[in-house]
N, C-alpha and C. Protein backbone atom coordinates (compact mmCIF):
# COMPACT_ATOMS: atom_id res chain seq x y z
N UNK A 1 -61.49 94.14 -50.34
CA UNK A 1 -61.19 94.92 -49.14
C UNK A 1 -62.33 94.73 -48.14
N UNK A 2 -61.98 94.47 -46.91
CA UNK A 2 -63.00 94.25 -45.87
C UNK A 2 -63.76 95.54 -45.56
N UNK A 3 -64.92 95.37 -44.94
CA UNK A 3 -65.75 96.52 -44.57
C UNK A 3 -64.99 97.48 -43.66
N UNK A 4 -64.26 96.94 -42.70
CA UNK A 4 -63.53 97.80 -41.77
C UNK A 4 -62.37 98.50 -42.47
N UNK A 5 -61.65 97.79 -43.35
CA UNK A 5 -60.54 98.43 -44.10
C UNK A 5 -61.07 99.58 -44.94
N UNK A 6 -62.20 99.34 -45.59
CA UNK A 6 -62.80 100.37 -46.44
C UNK A 6 -63.21 101.59 -45.60
N UNK A 7 -63.82 101.35 -44.44
CA UNK A 7 -64.24 102.45 -43.57
C UNK A 7 -63.04 103.22 -43.05
N UNK A 8 -61.95 102.53 -42.71
CA UNK A 8 -60.74 103.19 -42.23
C UNK A 8 -60.14 104.06 -43.32
N UNK A 9 -60.15 103.54 -44.54
CA UNK A 9 -59.59 104.30 -45.66
C UNK A 9 -60.47 105.52 -45.99
N UNK A 10 -61.78 105.33 -46.00
CA UNK A 10 -62.70 106.42 -46.36
C UNK A 10 -62.65 107.58 -45.37
N UNK A 11 -62.43 107.29 -44.09
CA UNK A 11 -62.38 108.38 -43.11
C UNK A 11 -60.99 108.99 -42.98
N UNK A 12 -60.03 108.47 -43.73
CA UNK A 12 -58.68 109.01 -43.71
C UNK A 12 -57.77 108.42 -42.64
N UNK A 13 -58.25 107.40 -41.94
CA UNK A 13 -57.43 106.78 -40.89
C UNK A 13 -56.36 105.86 -41.47
N UNK A 14 -56.65 105.26 -42.61
CA UNK A 14 -55.72 104.34 -43.26
C UNK A 14 -55.01 105.09 -44.38
N UNK A 15 -53.69 105.20 -44.25
CA UNK A 15 -52.90 105.92 -45.24
C UNK A 15 -51.77 105.03 -45.74
N UNK A 16 -51.46 105.17 -47.01
CA UNK A 16 -50.38 104.40 -47.62
C UNK A 16 -49.22 105.34 -47.94
N UNK A 17 -48.00 104.85 -47.79
CA UNK A 17 -46.80 105.64 -48.03
C UNK A 17 -45.65 105.01 -47.26
N UNK A 18 -44.70 105.83 -46.82
CA UNK A 18 -43.57 105.34 -46.03
C UNK A 18 -43.68 105.95 -44.63
N UNK A 19 -43.77 105.07 -43.62
CA UNK A 19 -43.98 105.54 -42.25
C UNK A 19 -43.04 104.83 -41.30
N UNK A 20 -42.67 105.53 -40.22
CA UNK A 20 -41.92 104.93 -39.12
C UNK A 20 -42.90 104.79 -37.96
N UNK A 21 -43.04 103.59 -37.44
CA UNK A 21 -43.98 103.31 -36.36
C UNK A 21 -43.35 103.63 -35.01
N UNK A 22 -44.17 103.63 -33.97
CA UNK A 22 -43.69 103.91 -32.61
C UNK A 22 -42.58 102.94 -32.22
N UNK A 23 -42.66 101.71 -32.73
CA UNK A 23 -41.64 100.69 -32.42
C UNK A 23 -40.32 100.96 -33.14
N UNK A 24 -40.33 101.91 -34.10
CA UNK A 24 -39.14 102.18 -34.90
C UNK A 24 -39.16 101.43 -36.22
N UNK A 25 -40.08 100.47 -36.35
CA UNK A 25 -40.18 99.69 -37.59
C UNK A 25 -40.71 100.57 -38.72
N UNK A 26 -40.36 100.21 -39.94
CA UNK A 26 -40.85 100.91 -41.13
C UNK A 26 -42.08 100.18 -41.65
N UNK A 27 -43.01 100.94 -42.23
CA UNK A 27 -44.24 100.34 -42.77
C UNK A 27 -44.69 101.12 -43.99
N UNK A 28 -45.38 100.43 -44.91
CA UNK A 28 -45.92 101.10 -46.08
C UNK A 28 -47.37 101.51 -45.89
N UNK A 29 -47.88 101.33 -44.66
CA UNK A 29 -49.20 101.88 -44.34
C UNK A 29 -49.21 102.33 -42.89
N UNK A 30 -50.10 103.27 -42.59
CA UNK A 30 -50.23 103.80 -41.24
C UNK A 30 -51.71 103.92 -40.91
N UNK A 31 -52.05 103.62 -39.68
CA UNK A 31 -53.44 103.74 -39.24
C UNK A 31 -53.50 104.74 -38.11
N UNK A 32 -54.14 105.87 -38.37
CA UNK A 32 -54.38 106.88 -37.35
C UNK A 32 -55.77 106.59 -36.79
N UNK A 33 -55.83 105.70 -35.83
CA UNK A 33 -57.12 105.22 -35.33
C UNK A 33 -57.92 106.35 -34.68
N UNK A 34 -57.25 107.40 -34.26
CA UNK A 34 -58.00 108.52 -33.66
C UNK A 34 -58.93 109.16 -34.69
N UNK A 35 -58.53 109.17 -35.97
CA UNK A 35 -59.43 109.66 -37.03
C UNK A 35 -60.66 108.77 -37.12
N UNK A 36 -60.48 107.48 -36.93
CA UNK A 36 -61.60 106.55 -36.99
C UNK A 36 -62.48 106.68 -35.75
N UNK A 37 -61.86 106.77 -34.58
CA UNK A 37 -62.65 106.77 -33.35
C UNK A 37 -63.33 108.11 -33.07
N UNK A 38 -62.96 109.15 -33.82
CA UNK A 38 -63.66 110.43 -33.68
C UNK A 38 -64.72 110.61 -34.78
N UNK A 39 -64.84 109.60 -35.64
CA UNK A 39 -65.86 109.60 -36.69
C UNK A 39 -66.99 108.71 -36.21
N UNK A 40 -68.18 109.27 -35.94
CA UNK A 40 -69.26 108.47 -35.34
C UNK A 40 -69.64 107.23 -36.16
N UNK A 41 -69.65 107.35 -37.48
CA UNK A 41 -70.03 106.20 -38.32
C UNK A 41 -69.02 105.07 -38.19
N UNK A 42 -67.74 105.41 -38.23
CA UNK A 42 -66.69 104.39 -38.15
C UNK A 42 -66.61 103.81 -36.74
N UNK A 43 -66.72 104.67 -35.72
CA UNK A 43 -66.70 104.19 -34.34
C UNK A 43 -67.86 103.22 -34.09
N UNK A 44 -69.03 103.56 -34.61
CA UNK A 44 -70.19 102.68 -34.47
C UNK A 44 -69.93 101.35 -35.17
N UNK A 45 -69.38 101.38 -36.38
CA UNK A 45 -69.07 100.15 -37.11
C UNK A 45 -68.10 99.29 -36.32
N UNK A 46 -67.05 99.90 -35.79
CA UNK A 46 -66.06 99.16 -35.00
C UNK A 46 -66.75 98.49 -33.81
N UNK A 47 -67.60 99.23 -33.10
CA UNK A 47 -68.27 98.67 -31.92
C UNK A 47 -69.17 97.50 -32.30
N UNK A 48 -69.86 97.62 -33.43
CA UNK A 48 -70.75 96.54 -33.87
C UNK A 48 -69.95 95.30 -34.28
N UNK A 49 -68.85 95.50 -34.99
CA UNK A 49 -68.02 94.36 -35.42
C UNK A 49 -67.36 93.68 -34.22
N UNK A 50 -66.94 94.47 -33.25
CA UNK A 50 -66.35 93.88 -32.03
C UNK A 50 -67.41 93.11 -31.25
N UNK A 51 -68.62 93.66 -31.15
CA UNK A 51 -69.71 92.98 -30.44
C UNK A 51 -70.05 91.66 -31.13
N UNK A 52 -70.07 91.67 -32.46
CA UNK A 52 -70.32 90.43 -33.22
C UNK A 52 -69.24 89.40 -32.95
N UNK A 53 -67.98 89.85 -32.94
CA UNK A 53 -66.86 88.93 -32.70
C UNK A 53 -66.96 88.33 -31.29
N UNK A 54 -67.36 89.16 -30.32
CA UNK A 54 -67.54 88.65 -28.96
C UNK A 54 -68.60 87.55 -28.95
N UNK A 55 -69.69 87.78 -29.65
CA UNK A 55 -70.78 86.80 -29.69
C UNK A 55 -70.34 85.53 -30.41
N UNK A 56 -69.70 85.68 -31.56
CA UNK A 56 -69.24 84.54 -32.34
C UNK A 56 -68.25 83.69 -31.55
N UNK A 57 -67.33 84.35 -30.84
CA UNK A 57 -66.29 83.63 -30.09
C UNK A 57 -66.70 83.33 -28.65
N UNK A 58 -67.98 83.61 -28.33
CA UNK A 58 -68.54 83.32 -27.00
C UNK A 58 -67.72 83.96 -25.88
N UNK A 59 -67.39 85.24 -26.06
CA UNK A 59 -66.64 85.99 -25.05
C UNK A 59 -67.65 86.77 -24.21
N UNK A 60 -67.66 86.50 -22.90
CA UNK A 60 -68.63 87.13 -22.01
C UNK A 60 -67.93 87.74 -20.79
N UNK A 61 -67.32 88.90 -21.00
CA UNK A 61 -66.60 89.54 -19.88
C UNK A 61 -67.54 90.24 -18.92
N UNK A 62 -67.01 90.48 -17.71
CA UNK A 62 -67.72 91.30 -16.73
C UNK A 62 -67.45 92.78 -17.01
N UNK A 63 -66.26 93.07 -17.57
CA UNK A 63 -65.86 94.44 -17.86
C UNK A 63 -65.09 94.47 -19.18
N UNK A 64 -65.10 95.63 -19.79
CA UNK A 64 -64.30 95.92 -20.98
C UNK A 64 -63.28 96.95 -20.53
N UNK A 65 -62.03 96.79 -20.96
CA UNK A 65 -60.98 97.74 -20.56
C UNK A 65 -60.40 98.44 -21.77
N UNK A 66 -60.27 99.75 -21.66
CA UNK A 66 -59.59 100.54 -22.66
C UNK A 66 -58.34 101.15 -22.06
N UNK A 67 -57.31 101.28 -22.89
CA UNK A 67 -56.05 101.85 -22.43
C UNK A 67 -55.98 103.29 -22.90
N UNK A 68 -55.71 104.21 -21.96
CA UNK A 68 -55.66 105.63 -22.28
C UNK A 68 -54.53 105.87 -23.29
N UNK A 69 -54.75 106.53 -24.30
CA UNK A 69 -55.86 107.32 -24.77
C UNK A 69 -56.57 106.64 -25.95
N UNK A 70 -55.81 106.00 -26.79
CA UNK A 70 -56.34 105.52 -28.07
C UNK A 70 -57.53 104.59 -28.02
N UNK A 71 -57.57 103.70 -27.05
CA UNK A 71 -58.66 102.72 -27.08
C UNK A 71 -59.85 103.08 -26.18
N UNK A 72 -59.80 104.23 -25.52
CA UNK A 72 -60.93 104.62 -24.65
C UNK A 72 -62.22 104.81 -25.43
N UNK A 73 -62.22 105.54 -26.56
CA UNK A 73 -63.48 105.65 -27.32
C UNK A 73 -64.00 104.29 -27.79
N UNK A 74 -63.08 103.39 -28.14
CA UNK A 74 -63.47 102.05 -28.59
C UNK A 74 -64.12 101.28 -27.46
N UNK A 75 -63.53 101.36 -26.27
CA UNK A 75 -64.08 100.66 -25.10
C UNK A 75 -65.45 101.23 -24.73
N UNK A 76 -65.58 102.55 -24.79
CA UNK A 76 -66.86 103.19 -24.46
C UNK A 76 -67.93 102.79 -25.46
N UNK A 77 -67.59 102.80 -26.75
CA UNK A 77 -68.56 102.42 -27.79
C UNK A 77 -68.96 100.95 -27.65
N UNK A 78 -67.99 100.07 -27.37
CA UNK A 78 -68.30 98.65 -27.20
C UNK A 78 -69.14 98.44 -25.95
N UNK A 79 -68.87 99.21 -24.92
CA UNK A 79 -69.68 99.15 -23.70
C UNK A 79 -71.13 99.51 -24.00
N UNK A 80 -71.33 100.56 -24.79
CA UNK A 80 -72.69 100.97 -25.14
C UNK A 80 -73.36 99.94 -26.04
N UNK A 81 -72.59 99.31 -26.92
CA UNK A 81 -73.16 98.31 -27.84
C UNK A 81 -73.56 97.03 -27.12
N UNK A 82 -72.86 96.71 -26.02
CA UNK A 82 -73.08 95.44 -25.34
C UNK A 82 -73.75 95.56 -23.98
N UNK A 83 -73.74 96.76 -23.40
CA UNK A 83 -74.28 96.95 -22.05
C UNK A 83 -73.32 96.50 -20.96
N UNK A 84 -72.08 96.20 -21.33
CA UNK A 84 -71.06 95.76 -20.37
C UNK A 84 -70.27 97.00 -19.91
N UNK A 85 -70.14 97.21 -18.59
CA UNK A 85 -69.39 98.37 -18.10
C UNK A 85 -67.94 98.34 -18.56
N UNK A 86 -67.34 99.54 -18.68
CA UNK A 86 -65.93 99.58 -19.06
C UNK A 86 -65.10 100.29 -18.01
N UNK A 87 -63.82 100.00 -18.05
CA UNK A 87 -62.84 100.64 -17.18
C UNK A 87 -61.73 101.23 -18.04
N UNK A 88 -61.02 102.19 -17.48
CA UNK A 88 -59.94 102.84 -18.20
C UNK A 88 -58.62 102.57 -17.47
N UNK A 89 -57.60 102.23 -18.24
CA UNK A 89 -56.29 101.93 -17.68
C UNK A 89 -55.31 102.99 -18.14
N UNK A 90 -54.69 103.66 -17.19
CA UNK A 90 -53.66 104.64 -17.51
C UNK A 90 -52.34 103.91 -17.70
N UNK A 91 -51.47 104.52 -18.49
CA UNK A 91 -50.14 103.93 -18.68
C UNK A 91 -49.29 104.08 -17.43
N UNK A 92 -49.60 105.13 -16.64
CA UNK A 92 -48.88 105.37 -15.39
C UNK A 92 -49.88 105.79 -14.33
N UNK A 93 -49.52 105.57 -13.09
CA UNK A 93 -50.36 106.00 -11.97
C UNK A 93 -50.40 107.52 -11.92
N UNK A 94 -51.58 108.06 -11.64
CA UNK A 94 -51.72 109.52 -11.48
C UNK A 94 -50.90 109.97 -10.28
N UNK A 95 -50.37 111.18 -10.37
CA UNK A 95 -49.58 111.75 -9.26
C UNK A 95 -50.42 112.71 -8.43
N UNK A 96 -51.72 112.81 -8.74
CA UNK A 96 -52.58 113.74 -8.00
C UNK A 96 -53.96 113.11 -7.83
N UNK A 97 -54.82 113.79 -7.10
CA UNK A 97 -56.20 113.30 -6.91
C UNK A 97 -56.22 111.94 -6.23
N UNK A 98 -56.92 111.01 -6.83
CA UNK A 98 -57.04 109.67 -6.24
C UNK A 98 -55.81 108.81 -6.51
N UNK A 99 -54.94 109.27 -7.41
CA UNK A 99 -53.70 108.56 -7.75
C UNK A 99 -53.96 107.16 -8.32
N UNK A 100 -55.09 106.98 -8.95
CA UNK A 100 -55.44 105.67 -9.50
C UNK A 100 -54.85 105.47 -10.89
N UNK A 101 -54.54 104.22 -11.17
CA UNK A 101 -54.09 103.85 -12.51
C UNK A 101 -55.26 103.24 -13.30
N UNK A 102 -56.28 102.78 -12.58
CA UNK A 102 -57.48 102.21 -13.20
C UNK A 102 -58.68 103.02 -12.74
N UNK A 103 -59.47 103.50 -13.70
CA UNK A 103 -60.69 104.24 -13.39
C UNK A 103 -61.89 103.37 -13.76
N UNK A 104 -62.89 103.38 -12.91
CA UNK A 104 -64.06 102.53 -13.11
C UNK A 104 -64.07 101.46 -12.04
N UNK A 105 -65.13 100.68 -12.01
CA UNK A 105 -65.29 99.67 -10.96
C UNK A 105 -64.75 98.32 -11.39
N UNK A 106 -63.57 97.97 -10.88
CA UNK A 106 -62.98 96.67 -11.12
C UNK A 106 -63.01 95.90 -9.81
N UNK A 107 -63.65 94.74 -9.86
CA UNK A 107 -63.76 93.88 -8.69
C UNK A 107 -62.81 92.70 -8.91
N UNK A 108 -61.99 92.36 -7.90
CA UNK A 108 -61.11 91.20 -8.07
C UNK A 108 -61.92 89.97 -8.53
N UNK A 109 -61.40 89.29 -9.55
CA UNK A 109 -62.09 88.14 -10.12
C UNK A 109 -62.89 88.48 -11.37
N UNK A 110 -63.07 89.79 -11.65
CA UNK A 110 -63.78 90.19 -12.87
C UNK A 110 -63.04 89.67 -14.10
N UNK A 111 -63.80 89.09 -15.03
CA UNK A 111 -63.26 88.70 -16.32
C UNK A 111 -63.29 89.96 -17.19
N UNK A 112 -62.13 90.36 -17.71
CA UNK A 112 -61.99 91.61 -18.43
C UNK A 112 -61.53 91.36 -19.86
N UNK A 113 -62.22 91.98 -20.81
CA UNK A 113 -61.81 91.96 -22.21
C UNK A 113 -61.11 93.28 -22.49
N UNK A 114 -59.85 93.22 -22.87
CA UNK A 114 -59.09 94.42 -23.19
C UNK A 114 -59.34 94.75 -24.66
N UNK A 115 -59.59 96.05 -24.92
CA UNK A 115 -59.83 96.53 -26.27
C UNK A 115 -58.64 97.40 -26.66
N UNK A 116 -58.13 97.18 -27.86
CA UNK A 116 -57.00 97.98 -28.36
C UNK A 116 -57.33 98.50 -29.76
N UNK A 117 -56.63 99.54 -30.15
CA UNK A 117 -56.82 100.09 -31.48
C UNK A 117 -55.94 99.34 -32.48
N UNK A 118 -54.64 99.52 -32.40
CA UNK A 118 -53.71 98.86 -33.32
C UNK A 118 -52.66 98.15 -32.49
N UNK A 119 -52.42 96.88 -32.81
CA UNK A 119 -51.39 96.12 -32.10
C UNK A 119 -50.28 95.74 -33.07
N UNK A 120 -49.06 96.09 -32.70
CA UNK A 120 -47.89 95.66 -33.47
C UNK A 120 -47.15 94.62 -32.63
N UNK A 121 -46.42 95.07 -31.61
CA UNK A 121 -45.71 94.14 -30.73
C UNK A 121 -46.49 93.85 -29.45
N UNK A 122 -47.52 94.63 -29.18
CA UNK A 122 -48.38 94.52 -27.99
C UNK A 122 -47.69 94.96 -26.70
N UNK A 123 -46.63 95.73 -26.82
CA UNK A 123 -45.91 96.18 -25.62
C UNK A 123 -46.78 96.92 -24.62
N UNK A 124 -47.55 97.90 -25.07
CA UNK A 124 -48.39 98.66 -24.14
C UNK A 124 -49.54 97.79 -23.62
N UNK A 125 -50.01 96.87 -24.44
CA UNK A 125 -51.09 95.97 -24.01
C UNK A 125 -50.60 95.05 -22.90
N UNK A 126 -49.40 94.51 -23.05
CA UNK A 126 -48.83 93.61 -22.05
C UNK A 126 -48.71 94.34 -20.71
N UNK A 127 -48.25 95.61 -20.74
CA UNK A 127 -48.12 96.40 -19.50
C UNK A 127 -49.49 96.64 -18.87
N UNK A 128 -50.49 97.00 -19.69
CA UNK A 128 -51.83 97.26 -19.17
C UNK A 128 -52.43 95.99 -18.58
N UNK A 129 -52.22 94.86 -19.23
CA UNK A 129 -52.73 93.59 -18.73
C UNK A 129 -52.09 93.26 -17.38
N UNK A 130 -50.79 93.52 -17.25
CA UNK A 130 -50.10 93.30 -15.96
C UNK A 130 -50.73 94.15 -14.87
N UNK A 131 -51.01 95.42 -15.18
CA UNK A 131 -51.65 96.32 -14.21
C UNK A 131 -53.02 95.79 -13.82
N UNK A 132 -53.80 95.39 -14.80
CA UNK A 132 -55.15 94.86 -14.52
C UNK A 132 -55.06 93.60 -13.67
N UNK A 133 -54.16 92.71 -14.01
CA UNK A 133 -54.02 91.45 -13.26
C UNK A 133 -53.56 91.72 -11.82
N UNK A 134 -52.67 92.70 -11.64
CA UNK A 134 -52.24 93.07 -10.29
C UNK A 134 -53.41 93.55 -9.44
N UNK A 135 -54.46 94.02 -10.09
CA UNK A 135 -55.65 94.51 -9.41
C UNK A 135 -56.79 93.49 -9.42
N UNK A 136 -56.46 92.22 -9.74
CA UNK A 136 -57.42 91.14 -9.61
C UNK A 136 -58.20 90.75 -10.86
N UNK A 137 -57.92 91.39 -11.99
CA UNK A 137 -58.65 91.06 -13.22
C UNK A 137 -58.18 89.72 -13.78
N UNK A 138 -59.13 89.04 -14.42
CA UNK A 138 -58.84 87.80 -15.14
C UNK A 138 -58.93 88.14 -16.63
N UNK A 139 -57.83 87.97 -17.35
CA UNK A 139 -57.79 88.35 -18.76
C UNK A 139 -57.29 87.19 -19.60
N UNK A 140 -58.13 86.79 -20.56
CA UNK A 140 -57.74 85.70 -21.47
C UNK A 140 -57.80 86.12 -22.93
N UNK A 141 -58.47 87.26 -23.22
CA UNK A 141 -58.57 87.74 -24.60
C UNK A 141 -58.36 89.25 -24.67
N UNK A 142 -57.89 89.65 -25.84
CA UNK A 142 -57.81 91.07 -26.18
C UNK A 142 -58.34 91.18 -27.60
N UNK A 143 -59.09 92.24 -27.86
CA UNK A 143 -59.62 92.45 -29.21
C UNK A 143 -59.11 93.79 -29.72
N UNK A 144 -58.56 93.77 -30.94
CA UNK A 144 -57.99 94.98 -31.54
C UNK A 144 -58.68 95.25 -32.87
N UNK A 145 -58.69 96.51 -33.25
CA UNK A 145 -59.20 96.84 -34.57
C UNK A 145 -58.24 96.24 -35.60
N UNK A 146 -56.93 96.49 -35.43
CA UNK A 146 -55.93 96.02 -36.39
C UNK A 146 -54.82 95.26 -35.68
N UNK A 147 -54.51 94.07 -36.19
CA UNK A 147 -53.32 93.32 -35.79
C UNK A 147 -52.30 93.52 -36.91
N UNK A 148 -51.27 94.30 -36.65
CA UNK A 148 -50.26 94.58 -37.67
C UNK A 148 -49.37 93.37 -37.93
N UNK A 149 -49.57 92.30 -37.15
CA UNK A 149 -48.80 91.06 -37.31
C UNK A 149 -47.31 91.31 -37.13
N UNK A 150 -46.99 92.06 -36.07
CA UNK A 150 -45.60 92.40 -35.76
C UNK A 150 -45.09 91.70 -34.53
N UNK A 151 -45.67 90.54 -34.19
CA UNK A 151 -45.24 89.78 -33.02
C UNK A 151 -46.16 89.93 -31.83
N UNK A 152 -47.15 90.80 -31.92
CA UNK A 152 -48.07 91.02 -30.81
C UNK A 152 -48.83 89.77 -30.40
N UNK A 153 -49.32 89.02 -31.36
CA UNK A 153 -50.08 87.80 -31.06
C UNK A 153 -49.22 86.83 -30.25
N UNK A 154 -47.98 86.68 -30.65
CA UNK A 154 -47.06 85.78 -29.95
C UNK A 154 -46.70 86.31 -28.56
N UNK A 155 -46.46 87.61 -28.45
CA UNK A 155 -46.13 88.20 -27.15
C UNK A 155 -47.30 88.07 -26.17
N UNK A 156 -48.51 88.24 -26.67
CA UNK A 156 -49.69 88.07 -25.81
C UNK A 156 -49.88 86.60 -25.42
N UNK A 157 -49.64 85.70 -26.36
CA UNK A 157 -49.78 84.27 -26.07
C UNK A 157 -48.84 83.85 -24.93
N UNK A 158 -47.65 84.48 -24.86
CA UNK A 158 -46.69 84.17 -23.79
C UNK A 158 -47.24 84.47 -22.40
N UNK A 159 -48.21 85.40 -22.32
CA UNK A 159 -48.80 85.72 -21.02
C UNK A 159 -50.23 85.17 -20.91
N UNK A 160 -50.56 84.22 -21.80
CA UNK A 160 -51.85 83.54 -21.71
C UNK A 160 -53.04 84.32 -22.23
N UNK A 161 -52.80 85.22 -23.19
CA UNK A 161 -53.88 86.04 -23.75
C UNK A 161 -53.98 85.80 -25.25
N UNK A 162 -55.20 85.55 -25.73
CA UNK A 162 -55.45 85.36 -27.16
C UNK A 162 -55.77 86.71 -27.80
N UNK A 163 -55.21 86.94 -28.98
CA UNK A 163 -55.47 88.16 -29.72
C UNK A 163 -56.52 87.91 -30.80
N UNK A 164 -57.60 88.70 -30.74
CA UNK A 164 -58.62 88.70 -31.78
C UNK A 164 -58.53 90.06 -32.46
N UNK A 165 -58.79 90.12 -33.76
CA UNK A 165 -58.74 91.41 -34.44
C UNK A 165 -59.82 91.48 -35.51
N UNK A 166 -60.18 92.71 -35.86
CA UNK A 166 -61.16 92.91 -36.92
C UNK A 166 -60.51 92.79 -38.30
N UNK A 167 -59.24 93.17 -38.39
CA UNK A 167 -58.51 93.08 -39.65
C UNK A 167 -57.02 92.88 -39.35
N UNK A 168 -56.34 92.17 -40.22
CA UNK A 168 -54.90 91.93 -40.07
C UNK A 168 -54.13 92.83 -41.04
N UNK A 169 -52.91 93.14 -40.68
CA UNK A 169 -52.06 93.97 -41.52
C UNK A 169 -51.90 93.42 -42.92
N UNK A 170 -51.79 92.10 -43.05
CA UNK A 170 -51.62 91.50 -44.38
C UNK A 170 -52.84 91.74 -45.27
N UNK A 171 -54.02 91.82 -44.65
CA UNK A 171 -55.25 92.09 -45.41
C UNK A 171 -55.26 93.55 -45.87
N UNK A 172 -54.77 94.45 -45.02
CA UNK A 172 -54.69 95.87 -45.38
C UNK A 172 -53.69 96.06 -46.50
N UNK A 173 -52.55 95.40 -46.39
CA UNK A 173 -51.50 95.52 -47.42
C UNK A 173 -52.02 95.03 -48.77
N UNK A 174 -52.82 93.97 -48.78
CA UNK A 174 -53.41 93.48 -50.03
C UNK A 174 -54.36 94.51 -50.63
N UNK A 175 -55.07 95.24 -49.76
CA UNK A 175 -56.05 96.21 -50.21
C UNK A 175 -55.46 97.37 -50.97
N UNK A 176 -54.18 97.65 -50.76
CA UNK A 176 -53.57 98.81 -51.44
C UNK A 176 -53.09 98.47 -52.83
N UNK A 177 -53.06 97.20 -53.15
CA UNK A 177 -52.55 96.78 -54.46
C UNK A 177 -53.55 96.98 -55.56
């Protein structure tokens, strides 16, 4: 079992049983990443592993983007680990105040690394990437804690984005045996 799988299981974020996912698909494991991202030890581990992956894969973004709500703590922790500013992407435009869908300083032409918690089909990631691109961001990679291997990698590839992950669903499934 990988270090990240073990940490997810120890903090209670990784659970085995019968679950229905947001996509409607059935799964024999569930990841409540909010349990992991509210645990300082696990959040720190995730940020360090993501920072290492960025260095190994020579990813040098101008900004890190988190999608409200699940990946915001991950983006903030990775920002602190790397010194790279982060931005927050809402799923919808605010109806009050500044009415912004993106919070933080995004300059057209900025290379942005999108951070996600768990990717299955990447539906919400694809929408967030479209929003970022409409605002001038250049996005070629996304990094997730877990790739559930539910078509997300392929869906992202269709829009020119590579998916990197700390652990794959098949590795988690092996860990429960």
